[in-house]
Amino acid sequence: MRISLKVTTRAKKEAIEKLSENSYKIKVAVPPEKGKANKRVIEILAEEFGVRKQDILIVSGLTNSNKIAEIGI
């Protein structure tokens, strides 16, 4: 399953919000440095979908706030 993400970094409170069937808005507290934000996004998605972190791959937007992630369910 592929989903689109809008990621906000350096948020005061972490959250995930479903915008539509395959679109989510995610807020993470970490800065977008050295892949820290991407790692945290994967952790949040794994928890939300009940899958292992290894089953999630960011396929587009590694250096952008708009991302596409693939979740192997």
C-alpha atoms as a PDB file:
ATOM      1  CA  MET A   1       0.000   0.000   0.000  1.00  0.00           C
ATOM      2  CA  ARG A   2       1.318   3.459  -0.894  1.00  0.00           C
ATOM      3  CA  ILE A   3       0.372   6.553   1.057  1.00  0.00           C
ATOM      4  CA  SER A   4       1.212  10.223   0.655  1.00  0.00           C
ATOM      5  CA  LEU A   5       2.527  12.161   3.633  1.00  0.00           C
ATOM      6  CA  LYS A   6       2.845  15.802   4.559  1.00  0.00           C
ATOM      7  CA  VAL A   7       5.507  15.988   7.270  1.00  0.00           C
ATOM      8  CA  THR A   8       6.058  18.859   9.690  1.00  0.00           C
ATOM      9  CA  THR A   9       9.324  18.767  11.630  1.00  0.00           C
ATOM     10  CA  ARG A  10      10.268  20.404  14.922  1.00  0.00           C
ATOM     11  CA  ALA A  11       6.671  20.210  16.131  1.00  0.00           C
ATOM     12  CA  LYS A  12       5.928  20.755  19.802  1.00  0.00           C
ATOM     13  CA  LYS A  13       3.671  17.698  19.858  1.00  0.00           C
ATOM     14  CA  GLU A  14       3.949  14.617  17.653  1.00  0.00           C
ATOM     15  CA  ALA A  15       0.772  13.533  15.903  1.00  0.00           C
ATOM     16  CA  ILE A  16      -0.616  11.717  12.890  1.00  0.00           C
ATOM     17  CA  GLU A  17      -3.803  12.808  11.147  1.00  0.00           C
ATOM     18  CA  LYS A  18      -5.616  10.959   8.379  1.00  0.00           C
ATOM     19  CA  LEU A  19      -6.621  13.393   5.633  1.00  0.00           C
ATOM     20  CA  SER A  20      -8.095  10.890   3.171  1.00  0.00           C
ATOM     21  CA  GLU A  21      -7.923   7.187   2.291  1.00  0.00           C
ATOM     22  CA  ASN A  22      -4.212   7.269   1.391  1.00  0.00           C
ATOM     23  CA  SER A  23      -3.090  10.652   2.686  1.00  0.00           C
ATOM     24  CA  TYR A  24      -1.739  11.546   6.117  1.00  0.00           C
ATOM     25  CA  LYS A  25      -0.306  14.571   7.899  1.00  0.00           C
ATOM     26  CA  ILE A  26       2.456  13.774  10.392  1.00  0.00           C
ATOM     27  CA  LYS A  27       4.102  16.056  12.940  1.00  0.00           C
ATOM     28  CA  VAL A  28       7.452  15.009  14.413  1.00  0.00           C
ATOM     29  CA  ALA A  29       9.486  16.714  17.124  1.00  0.00           C
ATOM     30  CA  VAL A  30      12.917  16.007  15.628  1.00  0.00           C
ATOM     31  CA  PRO A  31      14.738  18.275  13.142  1.00  0.00           C
ATOM     32  CA  PRO A  32      15.202  17.277   9.495  1.00  0.00           C
ATOM     33  CA  GLU A  33      18.910  16.527   9.939  1.00  0.00           C
ATOM     34  CA  LYS A  34      20.792  13.379   8.932  1.00  0.00           C
ATOM     35  CA  GLY A  35      17.582  11.413   8.330  1.00  0.00           C
ATOM     36  CA  LYS A  36      16.289  11.819  11.899  1.00  0.00           C
ATOM     37  CA  ALA A  37      12.851  13.040  10.781  1.00  0.00           C
ATOM     38  CA  ASN A  38      12.469  10.239   8.220  1.00  0.00           C
ATOM     39  CA  LYS A  39      13.392   7.666  10.859  1.00  0.00           C
ATOM     40  CA  ARG A  40      10.798   9.089  13.251  1.00  0.00           C
ATOM     41  CA  VAL A  41       8.143   9.150  10.492  1.00  0.00           C
ATOM     42  CA  ILE A  42       8.777   5.435   9.889  1.00  0.00           C
ATOM     43  CA  GLU A  43       8.464   4.715  13.628  1.00  0.00           C
ATOM     44  CA  ILE A  44       5.130   6.569  13.823  1.00  0.00           C
ATOM     45  CA  LEU A  45       3.776   4.818  10.724  1.00  0.00           C
ATOM     46  CA  ALA A  46       4.834   1.402  12.056  1.00  0.00           C
ATOM     47  CA  GLU A  47       2.949   2.065  15.269  1.00  0.00           C
ATOM     48  CA  GLU A  48      -0.127   3.413  13.445  1.00  0.00           C
ATOM     49  CA  PHE A  49      -0.394   0.480  11.016  1.00  0.00           C
ATOM     50  CA  GLY A  50       0.827  -2.244  13.370  1.00  0.00           C
ATOM     51  CA  VAL A  51       3.740  -3.346  11.186  1.00  0.00           C
ATOM     52  CA  ARG A  52       7.481  -3.626  11.693  1.00  0.00           C
ATOM     53  CA  LYS A  53       9.644  -0.610  10.867  1.00  0.00           C
ATOM     54  CA  GLN A  54      11.434  -2.754   8.284  1.00  0.00           C
ATOM     55  CA  ASP A  55       8.132  -3.112   6.386  1.00  0.00           C
ATOM     56  CA  ILE A  56       7.968   0.636   5.661  1.00  0.00           C
ATOM     57  CA  LEU A  57       9.954   2.375   2.940  1.00  0.00           C
ATOM     58  CA  ILE A  58       9.956   6.035   1.960  1.00  0.00           C
ATOM     59  CA  VAL A  59      10.012   5.767  -1.833  1.00  0.00           C
ATOM     60  CA  SER A  60       9.854   9.471  -2.676  1.00  0.00           C
ATOM     61  CA  GLY A  61      10.632  12.746  -0.913  1.00  0.00           C
ATOM     62  CA  LEU A  62      13.540  11.822   1.346  1.00  0.00           C
ATOM     63  CA  THR A  63      14.622  15.476   1.458  1.00  0.00           C
ATOM     64  CA  ASN A  64      11.166  17.010   1.078  1.00  0.00           C
ATOM     65  CA  SER A  65       8.221  17.517   3.417  1.00  0.00           C
ATOM     66  CA  ASN A  66       5.919  15.793   0.912  1.00  0.00           C
ATOM     67  CA  LYS A  67       6.684  12.092   0.884  1.00  0.00           C
ATOM     68  CA  ILE A  68       5.372   8.829  -0.530  1.00  0.00           C
ATOM     69  CA  ALA A  69       5.715   5.786   1.705  1.00  0.00           C
ATOM     70  CA  GLU A  70       5.143   2.144   0.888  1.00  0.00           C
ATOM     71  CA  ILE A  71       3.821  -0.063   3.641  1.00  0.00           C
ATOM     72  CA  GLY A  72       4.094  -3.820   3.262  1.00  0.00           C
ATOM     73  CA  ILE A  73       1.013  -5.130   5.064  1.00  0.00           C
END
